[in-house]
Each structure stands twice: as structure tokens, then as C-alpha cells.
Amino acid sequence: MLYPELKIAAGHDNEAGFVAIETVVATAPRCTPVPRGSTTTRLASGAIRRDGFKDITWSWGIMTFSDLDNLVTTYLGDWDTDYANVTIRTLKRDMTYGNYNARMFLPVFDGDDDEGGYEQPTTRKVTNVRIRFGNLIAT
């Protein structure tokens, strides 16, 4: 299922700069809802407490390398920047959308799910693209 409401803007608190992700890359990504927290602790009472930063991943099965390059250079500046601040509109747990300040991380060639990544079977196409957004804070 694709989510056409996904939006992104450079910098924090920049809802005015939102553009639909399909204006940056050809297709919308798949995404999971924003979690309640990255760490789950079961308390002695049996209750569950969730702490830590909220991280999500937008993923694509396949895209052109030029689309990935456009995404990286537009929001990170270049391929040597590890992360940059962005504002995103993404899926919430109740299946509505919310705006968040986040840190967008550079995808790493053959990177794991914790850092985001992509595979490059040809010079023109990339597969299994995962862009990780960390430290989400609702705006």
C-alpha cells in the first residue's frame, strides 16, 4: 500500500516547505506507523513502558539511482553528509498523518535496517532502498 500523504521539507519546523515525496522521487514509499518508543520495558507491576526516540523507515522496492541521488542531495546536501534535519509528514498508529521534526540519515550501500541502505544491482537502478528518520518529535 502506498501512502500519497507523505511529505518532506528541509530543516526543522518547516511545514510551509512541505512537498509530496513523489515530487522528489517517482513513487511514494511504504512506511510503518510512528512507534510509541524504541525501547520496551516490562515493569514489575506487569505494565509496559516505552522509552527512547521514535524512528521510522520509508522504503522503496526499486527506484532509479538518479531518484535516490535527488533525494540525498536535496535533503542531505551531498553523499558525504551523514544526516540532516528535516520535517516530515508520515503515518501515525491511528492511520492518520502527523508532522514531525526528524533527523534523516544517509542510506548506506548494503546497510542494515538500523542505518538505512540500498542495494545496487545495476548502475541505473537501486533496490531495497531504506531511508531512516530518527529522533521524531511531533510538531
C-alpha atoms as a PDB file:
ATOM      1  CA  MET A   1       0.000   0.000   0.000  1.00  0.00           C
ATOM      2  CA  LEU A   2       1.377   3.396  -0.947  1.00  0.00           C
ATOM      3  CA  TYR A   3       0.813   6.494   1.146  1.00  0.00           C
ATOM      4  CA  PRO A   4       0.314   9.616  -1.005  1.00  0.00           C
ATOM      5  CA  GLU A   5       0.209  11.944   2.018  1.00  0.00           C
ATOM      6  CA  LEU A   6       3.905  11.515   2.784  1.00  0.00           C
ATOM      7  CA  LYS A   7       5.709  14.859   2.649  1.00  0.00           C
ATOM      8  CA  ILE A   8       9.169  16.192   3.393  1.00  0.00           C
ATOM      9  CA  ALA A   9      10.856  19.574   3.877  1.00  0.00           C
ATOM     10  CA  ALA A  10      14.423  20.634   4.652  1.00  0.00           C
ATOM     11  CA  GLY A  11      15.071  21.826   8.204  1.00  0.00           C
ATOM     12  CA  HIS A  12      13.009  21.572  11.374  1.00  0.00           C
ATOM     13  CA  ASP A  13       9.614  23.245  11.847  1.00  0.00           C
ATOM     14  CA  ASN A  14       9.229  23.737   8.106  1.00  0.00           C
ATOM     15  CA  GLU A  15       5.681  22.598   7.289  1.00  0.00           C
ATOM     16  CA  ALA A  16       5.458  25.564   4.904  1.00  0.00           C
ATOM     17  CA  GLY A  17       8.201  23.950   2.813  1.00  0.00           C
ATOM     18  CA  PHE A  18       6.460  20.573   2.507  1.00  0.00           C
ATOM     19  CA  VAL A  19       6.496  18.833  -0.855  1.00  0.00           C
ATOM     20  CA  ALA A  20       4.945  15.462  -1.648  1.00  0.00           C
ATOM     21  CA  ILE A  21       7.656  12.821  -1.747  1.00  0.00           C
ATOM     22  CA  GLU A  22       6.543  11.921  -5.293  1.00  0.00           C
ATOM     23  CA  THR A  23       7.875  15.300  -6.439  1.00  0.00           C
ATOM     24  CA  VAL A  24      11.361  14.237  -5.299  1.00  0.00           C
ATOM     25  CA  VAL A  25      11.283  10.572  -6.340  1.00  0.00           C
ATOM     26  CA  ALA A  26       8.973   8.908  -8.870  1.00  0.00           C
ATOM     27  CA  THR A  27       6.899   6.865  -6.403  1.00  0.00           C
ATOM     28  CA  ALA A  28       5.750   7.087  -2.809  1.00  0.00           C
ATOM     29  CA  PRO A  29       7.473   4.820  -0.291  1.00  0.00           C
ATOM     30  CA  ARG A  30       5.999   2.246   2.012  1.00  0.00           C
ATOM     31  CA  CYS A  31       6.197   3.128   5.678  1.00  0.00           C
ATOM     32  CA  THR A  32       5.338   1.845   9.105  1.00  0.00           C
ATOM     33  CA  PRO A  33       3.424   3.939  11.645  1.00  0.00           C
ATOM     34  CA  VAL A  34       5.368   6.025  14.161  1.00  0.00           C
ATOM     35  CA  PRO A  35       6.110   3.765  17.158  1.00  0.00           C
ATOM     36  CA  ARG A  36       5.461   4.691  20.772  1.00  0.00           C
ATOM     37  CA  GLY A  37       9.173   4.400  21.578  1.00  0.00           C
ATOM     38  CA  SER A  38      12.287   2.467  20.622  1.00  0.00           C
ATOM     39  CA  THR A  39      12.747   0.595  23.920  1.00  0.00           C
ATOM     40  CA  THR A  40      10.158  -1.533  25.698  1.00  0.00           C
ATOM     41  CA  THR A  41      10.483  -2.323  29.397  1.00  0.00           C
ATOM     42  CA  ARG A  42       8.141  -4.621  31.338  1.00  0.00           C
ATOM     43  CA  LEU A  43       7.725  -3.230  34.833  1.00  0.00           C
ATOM     44  CA  ALA A  44       7.375  -5.313  37.997  1.00  0.00           C
ATOM     45  CA  SER A  45       3.672  -4.423  38.009  1.00  0.00           C
ATOM     46  CA  GLY A  46       3.309  -6.074  34.609  1.00  0.00           C
ATOM     47  CA  ALA A  47       2.778  -2.785  32.819  1.00  0.00           C
ATOM     48  CA  ILE A  48       4.819  -1.925  29.755  1.00  0.00           C
ATOM     49  CA  ARG A  49       6.778   1.307  29.475  1.00  0.00           C
ATOM     50  CA  ARG A  50       8.104   2.569  26.163  1.00  0.00           C
ATOM     51  CA  ASP A  51      11.027   4.981  26.147  1.00  0.00           C
ATOM     52  CA  GLY A  52      13.576   6.276  23.726  1.00  0.00           C
ATOM     53  CA  PHE A  53      13.479   8.029  20.417  1.00  0.00           C
ATOM     54  CA  LYS A  54      10.934   7.269  17.760  1.00  0.00           C
ATOM     55  CA  ASP A  55      12.489   6.111  14.490  1.00  0.00           C
ATOM     56  CA  ILE A  56      10.771   5.164  11.238  1.00  0.00           C
ATOM     57  CA  THR A  57      11.841   3.998   7.799  1.00  0.00           C
ATOM     58  CA  TRP A  58      10.477   4.880   4.395  1.00  0.00           C
ATOM     59  CA  SER A  59      11.240   2.107   1.916  1.00  0.00           C
ATOM     60  CA  TRP A  60      11.063   1.511  -1.805  1.00  0.00           C
ATOM     61  CA  GLY A  61      11.433  -1.828  -3.595  1.00  0.00           C
ATOM     62  CA  ILE A  62      13.152  -0.220  -6.573  1.00  0.00           C
ATOM     63  CA  MET A  63      13.978   3.261  -7.863  1.00  0.00           C
ATOM     64  CA  THR A  64      16.395   4.857 -10.269  1.00  0.00           C
ATOM     65  CA  PHE A  65      19.764   5.869  -8.910  1.00  0.00           C
ATOM     66  CA  SER A  66      19.017   9.411 -10.111  1.00  0.00           C
ATOM     67  CA  ASP A  67      15.894   9.492  -7.865  1.00  0.00           C
ATOM     68  CA  LEU A  68      17.959   8.343  -4.879  1.00  0.00           C
ATOM     69  CA  ASP A  69      20.649  10.881  -5.729  1.00  0.00           C
ATOM     70  CA  ASN A  70      17.986  13.612  -5.943  1.00  0.00           C
ATOM     71  CA  LEU A  71      16.620  12.652  -2.511  1.00  0.00           C
ATOM     72  CA  VAL A  72      20.084  12.585  -0.930  1.00  0.00           C
ATOM     73  CA  THR A  73      21.357  15.807  -2.481  1.00  0.00           C
ATOM     74  CA  THR A  74      18.111  17.721  -1.871  1.00  0.00           C
ATOM     75  CA  TYR A  75      17.813  16.897   1.827  1.00  0.00           C
ATOM     76  CA  LEU A  76      21.331  15.919   2.922  1.00  0.00           C
ATOM     77  CA  GLY A  77      23.311  18.182   0.610  1.00  0.00           C
ATOM     78  CA  ASP A  78      25.691  15.501  -0.683  1.00  0.00           C
ATOM     79  CA  TRP A  79      26.743  11.862  -0.258  1.00  0.00           C
ATOM     80  CA  ASP A  80      29.308  12.781   2.415  1.00  0.00           C
ATOM     81  CA  THR A  81      26.764  14.136   4.912  1.00  0.00           C
ATOM     82  CA  ASP A  82      25.718  11.519   7.474  1.00  0.00           C
ATOM     83  CA  TYR A  83      22.435  13.169   8.465  1.00  0.00           C
ATOM     84  CA  ALA A  84      20.390  16.350   8.229  1.00  0.00           C
ATOM     85  CA  ASN A  85      17.360  17.838   9.960  1.00  0.00           C
ATOM     86  CA  VAL A  86      14.061  17.582   8.080  1.00  0.00           C
ATOM     87  CA  THR A  87      10.355  17.961   8.729  1.00  0.00           C
ATOM     88  CA  ILE A  88       8.214  15.050   7.548  1.00  0.00           C
ATOM     89  CA  ARG A  89       4.541  14.187   7.345  1.00  0.00           C
ATOM     90  CA  THR A  90       4.157  10.469   7.922  1.00  0.00           C
ATOM     91  CA  LEU A  91       1.772   7.752   9.032  1.00  0.00           C
ATOM     92  CA  LYS A  92       0.691   7.566  12.678  1.00  0.00           C
ATOM     93  CA  ARG A  93      -0.550   4.486  14.559  1.00  0.00           C
ATOM     94  CA  ASP A  94      -4.203   5.517  14.120  1.00  0.00           C
ATOM     95  CA  MET A  95      -3.666   5.540  10.308  1.00  0.00           C
ATOM     96  CA  THR A  96      -3.868   9.323  10.085  1.00  0.00           C
ATOM     97  CA  TYR A  97      -0.883  11.535   9.307  1.00  0.00           C
ATOM     98  CA  GLY A  98       1.211  13.726  11.566  1.00  0.00           C
ATOM     99  CA  ASN A  99       4.038  16.214  11.191  1.00  0.00           C
ATOM    100  CA  TYR A 100       7.391  15.519  12.826  1.00  0.00           C
ATOM    101  CA  ASN A 101      10.820  17.059  13.111  1.00  0.00           C
ATOM    102  CA  ALA A 102      13.314  14.308  12.364  1.00  0.00           C
ATOM    103  CA  ARG A 103      16.885  13.531  11.506  1.00  0.00           C
ATOM    104  CA  MET A 104      17.233  11.975   8.026  1.00  0.00           C
ATOM    105  CA  PHE A 105      20.160   9.568   7.754  1.00  0.00           C
ATOM    106  CA  LEU A 106      22.278   8.902   4.683  1.00  0.00           C
ATOM    107  CA  PRO A 107      21.441   5.442   3.291  1.00  0.00           C
ATOM    108  CA  VAL A 108      24.477   3.165   3.239  1.00  0.00           C
ATOM    109  CA  PHE A 109      25.275   0.765   0.388  1.00  0.00           C
ATOM    110  CA  ASP A 110      24.303  -2.694   1.709  1.00  0.00           C
ATOM    111  CA  GLY A 111      23.422  -1.039   5.039  1.00  0.00           C
ATOM    112  CA  ASP A 112      21.328  -2.809   7.630  1.00  0.00           C
ATOM    113  CA  ASP A 113      17.842  -1.792   8.763  1.00  0.00           C
ATOM    114  CA  ASP A 114      19.184   0.235  11.701  1.00  0.00           C
ATOM    115  CA  GLU A 115      21.053   2.657   9.468  1.00  0.00           C
ATOM    116  CA  GLY A 116      19.064   2.538   6.241  1.00  0.00           C
ATOM    117  CA  GLY A 117      20.540   1.431   2.986  1.00  0.00           C
ATOM    118  CA  TYR A 118      20.151   0.244  -0.554  1.00  0.00           C
ATOM    119  CA  GLU A 119      21.404  -2.392  -2.967  1.00  0.00           C
ATOM    120  CA  GLN A 120      22.677  -1.528  -6.408  1.00  0.00           C
ATOM    121  CA  PRO A 121      22.362  -4.381  -8.924  1.00  0.00           C
ATOM    122  CA  THR A 122      22.970  -2.014 -11.881  1.00  0.00           C
ATOM    123  CA  THR A 123      24.390   1.451 -12.352  1.00  0.00           C
ATOM    124  CA  ARG A 124      20.949   2.894 -13.129  1.00  0.00           C
ATOM    125  CA  LYS A 125      18.659   1.153 -10.600  1.00  0.00           C
ATOM    126  CA  VAL A 126      18.781   0.658  -6.841  1.00  0.00           C
ATOM    127  CA  THR A 127      16.672  -1.830  -4.898  1.00  0.00           C
ATOM    128  CA  ASN A 128      15.586  -2.339  -1.303  1.00  0.00           C
ATOM    129  CA  VAL A 129      16.014   1.370  -0.562  1.00  0.00           C
ATOM    130  CA  ARG A 130      15.501   2.272   3.094  1.00  0.00           C
ATOM    131  CA  ILE A 131      15.665   5.862   4.348  1.00  0.00           C
ATOM    132  CA  ARG A 132      15.716   6.062   8.137  1.00  0.00           C
ATOM    133  CA  PHE A 133      14.329   9.030  10.022  1.00  0.00           C
ATOM    134  CA  GLY A 134      15.380   9.214  13.654  1.00  0.00           C
ATOM    135  CA  ASN A 135      14.555  11.236  16.747  1.00  0.00           C
ATOM    136  CA  LEU A 136      10.997  12.040  15.625  1.00  0.00           C
ATOM    137  CA  ILE A 137       9.324  14.807  17.608  1.00  0.00           C
ATOM    138  CA  ALA A 138       5.767  15.859  16.803  1.00  0.00           C
ATOM    139  CA  THR A 139       5.412  19.463  15.660  1.00  0.00           C
END
